[in-house]
Amino acid sequence: MELMILATKNSTPIIGQISVVMGWIMNGIYKFLDGLFGIQNLGLCIVIFSILIYLFMTPLQIKQQKFSKLSSVMQPELMKIQKKYQNKKDQVSMQKMQEETSAVYQKYGVSPTGSCVQLLIQLPILWSLWHVIQNIPAYVGSVKNVLDGVASQIIGVSGYTNILQDFITENKMTRVRLILDGSTATSNSVIDFLYALSPDQWKTLGEMNQFAGFSDTINSTASEIAHMQSFLGLNIAEMPWNYIKAAFVGGSILLAVVALLIPLLSWGTQVLNLKLMPQAAQNNDDSNPMANSMKTMNMVMPLMSAFFCFTFPVGLGIYWIFSAVVRSVQQVLINRHLDKMDIEVLINENMKKIEEKRAKAGLPPQKITNQAHQSVKNINKIDKGNSGSPEAERARKVEESYKKAVNAKPDSITAKANLVRSFDERNKKK
């Protein structure tokens, strides 16, 4: 029942529903720490919350990285097809290019949209995670209850909406927006405003003449919420840039250094995460526009993360850092697991899943096309003079995966694939 009185939530379809579930987890973490250890720390909640959510998404990460590993192997073949039809824009050539590209994907047992599916599943989760962290009072009842008393007294002041709006403008609170019910701000909107206040802004609010009648309540609430928002000496609602500026006018140098670490660690962990991803080593061909775009994106994204962390609340920086750390640890473990797997094992796994899906749908086994098998032969032919090249080695492994089908058990999926392949080859010779 507590969730019914919380502050404003995301109402976007799907994302809103996922945010509610995320809110239950965040609220549960806070209650667990408070009830069992007496810890009321939102920064620690964000750390644990980020770790748990990314652990839950590990199966999706594994699937995505399996696709990435196969993509890095398929890339040379796909690039050869693109080069082959580079200057051919007629309908016949485009159709042949599409057929040959599909044959490559078929050979490795993957779908061209495989990676997109994983991303489409993850994006709503990540967006919901972001919304919960930046709007904690909407999902953590204990935080909302701390702010509720001050919010009620502010609403009782005549013209409070205009007073708060002027306060937001004067203090340049660009990420705070009052939600109006007619011409007045809603109670939940006022709570969101209060949660976004920095310690200095709380002090300013308590000194305003319009709120002089309950300044003691404002100050006591500010002290209580500051305790909940404190993390490594920083307030998670404050911007790192403010700590850095304060150091030049007599503020704490130590806090400025800790605040500076937020954007630096955000940049560093993002770079580490990108370097650990299989896509980072996919292609070093400077003539490939896609590779160049990926290099640029991998360089710009961490820099943007660092830039935003200077002017975003510390809490969001903590989320970015620990999310990247968890993803990096996941990436190391997944990479070790995938490095031990032969390409042919991944291909056979994919083929098995495809055939199981087709069998459930009442469809016959998938046909292994001539183009798919011929693609391997073409690569072997191209790399004949360079048998030690990565492309030749990859092609050899894929070819071996087909040859092993000769000794497959009767009625197995591999054996069926071999029969289809033999049939294709006989027809080709006619």
Foldseek 3Di string as FASTA:
>chain_A
DLLVPFFDFDPPPPLRVLLQVLLVQLQVLQCCCCVPPVAQASLVSLLVSLLVLVVVCLVLVLQLQLVLVVCLLLVVLLVVLCVVCVPPDDPVSVVVSVVLVVLQCVLLLHDPCSNVVSCVVVVSNVVSSLRCLLQVRSRHSVLVVLQLVVLVVLVVQPPSQVVLVVLCVVVVVVVQDFDDDVNHGDSSSVSSSLLLDDLVSLVVVLPDPSNVVPSVSSVVSSVVSQSSQDDPNDGQSDALLVQLVVVVVPHDPVSNVVSLVLLVLLLVLLLLLLCLRSVLPSDDDPVDPVNVVVVVCSNVVSVVSSVVSRVGGSSVSSSSNSSSVSSNVSSVVSVVVVVVDQSLVSSVVSQVVVQVVCVVVVHDRDANAPSNVVSLVVQCVVCVVPCPDPSNVSSVSSNVSLVCLVVDDPPDSSVVNNVSVVVNVVVVVD
